[in-house]
Each structure stands twice: as structure tokens, then as C-alpha cells.
C-alpha atoms as a PDB file:
ATOM      1  CA  MET A   1       0.003  -0.029  -0.010  1.00  0.00           C
ATOM      2  CA  HIS A   2       1.314   3.363  -1.003  1.00  0.00           C
ATOM      3  CA  HIS A   3       1.002   6.572   1.085  1.00  0.00           C
ATOM      4  CA  PRO A   4       1.082  10.438   0.359  1.00  0.00           C
ATOM      5  CA  ARG A   5       4.421  12.286   1.186  1.00  0.00           C
ATOM      6  CA  SER A   6       2.852  14.767   3.456  1.00  0.00           C
ATOM      7  CA  ASN A   7      -0.003  15.729   5.723  1.00  0.00           C
ATOM      8  CA  THR A   8      -0.970  18.605   3.210  1.00  0.00           C
ATOM      9  CA  ALA A   9      -1.184  15.871   0.348  1.00  0.00           C
ATOM     10  CA  ALA A  10      -3.635  13.805   2.305  1.00  0.00           C
ATOM     11  CA  LEU A  11      -5.382  16.963   3.167  1.00  0.00           C
ATOM     12  CA  SER A  12      -5.846  17.821  -0.688  1.00  0.00           C
ATOM     13  CA  TYR A  13      -7.113  14.332  -1.360  1.00  0.00           C
ATOM     14  CA  ARG A  14      -9.773  14.949   1.425  1.00  0.00           C
ATOM     15  CA  LEU A  15     -10.896  18.516   0.356  1.00  0.00           C
ATOM     16  CA  ALA A  16     -11.070  17.541  -3.499  1.00  0.00           C
ATOM     17  CA  ALA A  17     -13.035  14.544  -2.561  1.00  0.00           C
ATOM     18  CA  MET A  18     -15.475  16.348  -0.438  1.00  0.00           C
ATOM     19  CA  LEU A  19     -15.881  18.981  -3.153  1.00  0.00           C
ATOM     20  CA  LEU A  20     -16.559  16.394  -5.813  1.00  0.00           C
ATOM     21  CA  LEU A  21     -19.179  14.762  -3.566  1.00  0.00           C
ATOM     22  CA  ALA A  22     -20.757  18.343  -2.634  1.00  0.00           C
ATOM     23  CA  ASN A  23     -20.810  19.027  -6.369  1.00  0.00           C
ATOM     24  CA  CYS A  24     -22.652  15.870  -7.180  1.00  0.00           C
ATOM     25  CA  VAL A  25     -25.333  16.600  -4.563  1.00  0.00           C
ATOM     26  CA  LEU A  26     -25.695  20.184  -5.525  1.00  0.00           C
ATOM     27  CA  VAL A  27     -26.082  19.290  -9.351  1.00  0.00           C
ATOM     28  CA  LEU A  28     -28.806  16.778  -8.252  1.00  0.00           C
ATOM     29  CA  VAL A  29     -30.549  19.230  -6.094  1.00  0.00           C
ATOM     30  CA  ALA A  30     -30.530  21.816  -8.691  1.00  0.00           C
ATOM     31  CA  VAL A  31     -31.989  19.518 -11.304  1.00  0.00           C
ATOM     32  CA  ILE A  32     -34.745  18.440  -8.998  1.00  0.00           C
ATOM     33  CA  LEU A  33     -35.584  21.914  -8.134  1.00  0.00           C
ATOM     34  CA  LEU A  34     -35.499  23.355 -11.571  1.00  0.00           C
ATOM     35  CA  GLY A  35     -37.802  20.304 -12.644  1.00  0.00           C
ATOM     36  CA  TYR A  36     -40.014  20.926 -10.027  1.00  0.00           C
ATOM     37  CA  ALA A  37     -40.159  24.827 -10.558  1.00  0.00           C
ATOM     38  CA  THR A  38     -41.073  24.330 -14.087  1.00  0.00           C
ATOM     39  CA  THR A  39     -44.109  21.930 -13.373  1.00  0.00           C
ATOM     40  CA  THR A  40     -45.397  24.261 -10.647  1.00  0.00           C
ATOM     41  CA  SER A  41     -44.587  27.702 -12.523  1.00  0.00           C
ATOM     42  CA  SER A  42     -43.065  28.931  -9.176  1.00  0.00           C
ATOM     43  CA  ARG A  43     -40.853  31.863 -10.007  1.00  0.00           C
ATOM     44  CA  GLU A  44     -39.027  31.673  -6.580  1.00  0.00           C
ATOM     45  CA  LEU A  45     -38.128  28.048  -7.026  1.00  0.00           C
ATOM     46  CA  LEU A  46     -36.858  28.540 -10.433  1.00  0.00           C
ATOM     47  CA  ILE A  47     -34.408  31.414  -9.031  1.00  0.00           C
ATOM     48  CA  ALA A  48     -33.236  29.095  -6.358  1.00  0.00           C
ATOM     49  CA  GLY A  49     -32.639  26.426  -8.789  1.00  0.00           C
ATOM     50  CA  THR A  50     -30.711  28.768 -10.945  1.00  0.00           C
ATOM     51  CA  VAL A  51     -28.481  29.970  -8.181  1.00  0.00           C
ATOM     52  CA  LEU A  52     -27.788  26.638  -7.052  1.00  0.00           C
ATOM     53  CA  ALA A  53     -26.734  25.567 -10.729  1.00  0.00           C
ATOM     54  CA  VAL A  54     -24.401  28.600 -10.855  1.00  0.00           C
ATOM     55  CA  ALA A  55     -23.186  27.629  -7.635  1.00  0.00           C
ATOM     56  CA  ALA A  56     -22.524  24.088  -9.023  1.00  0.00           C
ATOM     57  CA  ALA A  57     -20.586  25.588 -12.000  1.00  0.00           C
ATOM     58  CA  LEU A  58     -18.392  27.566  -9.554  1.00  0.00           C
ATOM     59  CA  LEU A  59     -17.868  24.660  -7.346  1.00  0.00           C
ATOM     60  CA  VAL A  60     -16.684  22.523 -10.592  1.00  0.00           C
ATOM     61  CA  VAL A  61     -13.886  25.101 -11.153  1.00  0.00           C
ATOM     62  CA  VAL A  62     -12.776  25.163  -7.419  1.00  0.00           C
ATOM     63  CA  GLN A  63     -12.894  21.310  -7.510  1.00  0.00           C
ATOM     64  CA  TRP A  64     -10.605  21.130 -10.597  1.00  0.00           C
ATOM     65  CA  ILE A  65      -8.178  23.498  -8.899  1.00  0.00           C
ATOM     66  CA  ALA A  66      -8.194  21.190  -5.688  1.00  0.00           C
ATOM     67  CA  ALA A  67      -7.899  18.120  -7.703  1.00  0.00           C
ATOM     68  CA  SER A  68      -4.817  19.100  -9.497  1.00  0.00           C
ATOM     69  CA  ARG A  69      -2.821  18.326  -6.421  1.00  0.00           C
ATOM     70  CA  THR A  70      -4.221  14.665  -5.930  1.00  0.00           C
ATOM     71  CA  GLY A  71      -1.744  12.682  -7.841  1.00  0.00           C
ATOM     72  CA  CYS A  72      -1.382   8.915  -7.151  1.00  0.00           C
ATOM     73  CA  PRO A  73       1.816   8.265  -5.329  1.00  0.00           C
ATOM     74  CA  LEU A  74       2.797   5.442  -7.751  1.00  0.00           C
ATOM     75  CA  CYS A  75       1.890   6.659 -11.348  1.00  0.00           C
ATOM     76  CA  ARG A  76       1.500  10.377 -10.527  1.00  0.00           C
ATOM     77  CA  THR A  77      -1.712  10.619 -12.421  1.00  0.00           C
ATOM     78  CA  GLN A  78      -4.416  12.939 -10.838  1.00  0.00           C
ATOM     79  CA  VAL A  79      -7.129  10.637  -9.568  1.00  0.00           C
ATOM     80  CA  LEU A  80      -9.681  13.215  -8.811  1.00  0.00           C
ATOM     81  CA  ALA A  81      -9.328  15.469 -11.791  1.00  0.00           C
ATOM     82  CA  PRO A  82     -11.224  14.591 -14.906  1.00  0.00           C
ATOM     83  CA  LYS A  83      -8.682  12.906 -17.227  1.00  0.00           C
ATOM     84  CA  ARG A  84      -9.120  11.022 -20.638  1.00  0.00           C
ATOM     85  CA  CYS A  85      -6.209   8.630 -19.796  1.00  0.00           C
ATOM     86  CA  SER A  86      -6.594   4.871 -20.178  1.00  0.00           C
ATOM     87  CA  LYS A  87      -7.952   3.168 -17.212  1.00  0.00           C
ATOM     88  CA  HIS A  88      -6.767  -0.106 -15.682  1.00  0.00           C
ATOM     89  CA  ARG A  89      -8.754  -2.958 -16.981  1.00  0.00           C
ATOM     90  CA  LYS A  90      -9.833  -4.001 -13.552  1.00  0.00           C
ATOM     91  CA  ALA A  91     -10.717  -0.562 -12.482  1.00  0.00           C
ATOM     92  CA  LYS A  92     -14.172  -0.286 -11.024  1.00  0.00           C
ATOM     93  CA  THR A  93     -16.842   2.620 -11.235  1.00  0.00           C
ATOM     94  CA  LEU A  94     -19.618   3.871  -9.213  1.00  0.00           C
ATOM     95  CA  LEU A  95     -22.532   5.021 -11.230  1.00  0.00           C
ATOM     96  CA  GLY A  96     -20.332   5.024 -14.306  1.00  0.00           C
ATOM     97  CA  SER A  97     -17.515   7.294 -12.519  1.00  0.00           C
ATOM     98  CA  HIS A  98     -14.177   6.409 -11.574  1.00  0.00           C
ATOM     99  CA  ARG A  99     -13.685   9.703  -9.854  1.00  0.00           C
ATOM    100  CA  LEU A 100     -16.674   9.207  -7.650  1.00  0.00           C
ATOM    101  CA  ARG A 101     -15.509   5.770  -6.642  1.00  0.00           C
ATOM    102  CA  VAL A 102     -12.329   7.307  -5.557  1.00  0.00           C
ATOM    103  CA  ALA A 103     -14.064  10.181  -3.638  1.00  0.00           C
ATOM    104  CA  ILE A 104     -16.331   7.973  -1.863  1.00  0.00           C
ATOM    105  CA  ALA A 105     -13.390   5.728  -0.847  1.00  0.00           C
ATOM    106  CA  VAL A 106     -11.257   8.876   0.302  1.00  0.00           C
ATOM    107  CA  VAL A 107     -14.071  10.148   2.398  1.00  0.00           C
ATOM    108  CA  PHE A 108     -15.447   6.928   4.074  1.00  0.00           C
ATOM    109  CA  LYS A 109     -12.510   4.531   3.900  1.00  0.00           C
ATOM    110  CA  ASN A 110      -9.532   6.856   4.161  1.00  0.00           C
ATOM    111  CA  GLN A 111      -7.939   5.091   1.233  1.00  0.00           C
ATOM    112  CA  PHE A 112      -8.589   4.498  -2.401  1.00  0.00           C
ATOM    113  CA  ARG A 113      -7.568   2.295  -5.389  1.00  0.00           C
ATOM    114  CA  CYS A 114      -6.020   4.219  -8.214  1.00  0.00           C
ATOM    115  CA  PRO A 115      -8.115   3.725 -11.370  1.00  0.00           C
ATOM    116  CA  TYR A 116      -5.104   4.108 -13.655  1.00  0.00           C
ATOM    117  CA  CYS A 117      -2.493   1.930 -12.068  1.00  0.00           C
ATOM    118  CA  ASN A 118      -4.901  -0.081  -9.856  1.00  0.00           C
ATOM    119  CA  GLU A 119      -2.634   0.262  -6.568  1.00  0.00           C
ATOM    120  CA  SER A 120      -4.055   0.817  -3.271  1.00  0.00           C
ATOM    121  CA  THR A 121      -3.156   4.172  -1.375  1.00  0.00           C
ATOM    122  CA  GLY A 122      -4.018   4.776   2.169  1.00  0.00           C
ATOM    123  CA  LEU A 123      -4.041   8.477   3.293  1.00  0.00           C
ATOM    124  CA  GLU A 124      -1.970   8.104   6.645  1.00  0.00           C
ATOM    125  CA  VAL A 125       1.295   9.630   6.145  1.00  0.00           C
ATOM    126  CA  ARG A 126       4.031   6.935   6.761  1.00  0.00           C
ATOM    127  CA  GLU A 127       7.155   8.034   8.371  1.00  0.00           C
ATOM    128  CA  THR A 128      10.141   8.041   5.887  1.00  0.00           C
ATOM    129  CA  LEU A 129      13.326   6.132   6.755  1.00  0.00           C
ATOM    130  CA  ARG A 130      15.256   9.311   6.009  1.00  0.00           C
ATOM    131  CA  SER A 131      13.235  11.072   8.689  1.00  0.00           C
ATOM    132  CA  ALA A 132      13.457   8.394  11.201  1.00  0.00           C
ATOM    133  CA  ARG A 133      17.309   8.252  10.809  1.00  0.00           C
ATOM    134  CA  GLY A 134      17.482  12.186  11.470  1.00  0.00           C
ATOM    135  CA  LEU A 135      15.439  11.926  14.457  1.00  0.00           C
ATOM    136  CA  GLU A 136      17.632   9.235  15.731  1.00  0.00           C
ATOM    137  CA  GLN A 137      20.842  11.295  14.967  1.00  0.00           C
ATOM    138  CA  SER A 138      19.344  14.488  16.726  1.00  0.00           C
ATOM    139  CA  GLN A 139      18.537  12.551  19.754  1.00  0.00           C
ATOM    140  CA  ASP A 140      21.955  10.993  19.788  1.00  0.00           C
ATOM    141  CA  GLU A 141      23.532  14.330  19.540  1.00  0.00           C
ATOM    142  CA  GLY A 142      21.301  15.500  22.452  1.00  0.00           C
ATOM    143  CA  ARG A 143      22.526  12.745  24.592  1.00  0.00           C
ATOM    144  CA  ARG A 144      26.163  13.610  23.867  1.00  0.00           C
ATOM    145  CA  ARG A 145      25.803  17.193  24.960  1.00  0.00           C
ATOM    146  CA  ILE A 146      24.415  15.923  28.340  1.00  0.00           C
END
């Protein structure tokens, strides 16, 4: 299992996943509200649905920016950004979307499987060997000073 290199990378995965899920919900609510507003001829609901649709469009842009920092630790492909790259032959979808499956996995399981290389990635940052050695050396130097 692979891990992101820093806490900020793990945070960007979570942020981009939550924005993608919020955008899916917002689009669904806007479509339902606009459909209901047209059948009932309600001007207030039509305005509210239009505002939600515009907010969803703005949220798409914000999500694309956040997703630009969500590269797979192994293949470096952005897993939460819309890409036209070839997917792994065993990559699974959720409601026809690879990104939605990754976003659900990030939010609820704290790990995901890359749809491009099919490798699992956990979102806990693993302590690297270099930082562990540096920590041991600094502790040894502190003991020598005493």
C-alpha cells in the first residue's frame, strides 16, 4: 500500500473528494428543483434552482483546482481530476464514474485504489526512513551534549 508524502497531500485528497461529492449533490438538487419549478410555475423555486446551478458551476472550477494536487503516489496521475487517460482493465466504477468511486473511498474508507494503475493508497502519512534516521541522529546528539 502506498502513502502520500505529507499531511498536506492527504488533506488535498480529502478536500477534493468532499468538493466532488458536494458538487454531485448540488447538481442533483438543482436539477430536481428546476424540474419542480417548471412544473409548478414557481418563480421563487426557479430562481433558487438557477442560483444552485451557478453555484455548482463555480464549485466545479474550485474542485478542479483542488484536484490538481491529488496525484497517485505511484503513477502520479491525478485521480480526482477529469482525465482522458486509459484506465486499468480491472478499475471499477460507481454510477459510471471512476472519480466518484475514488472520492467515496477517500471520504469513508480513508484509502483508495487508483483507477489508472490499480494500486491501493492509504491516506495516513508514513514516516520515511530518512526522517527516522534524522530523528535518531538528533536524539543521539542531544544525549552526547548531556
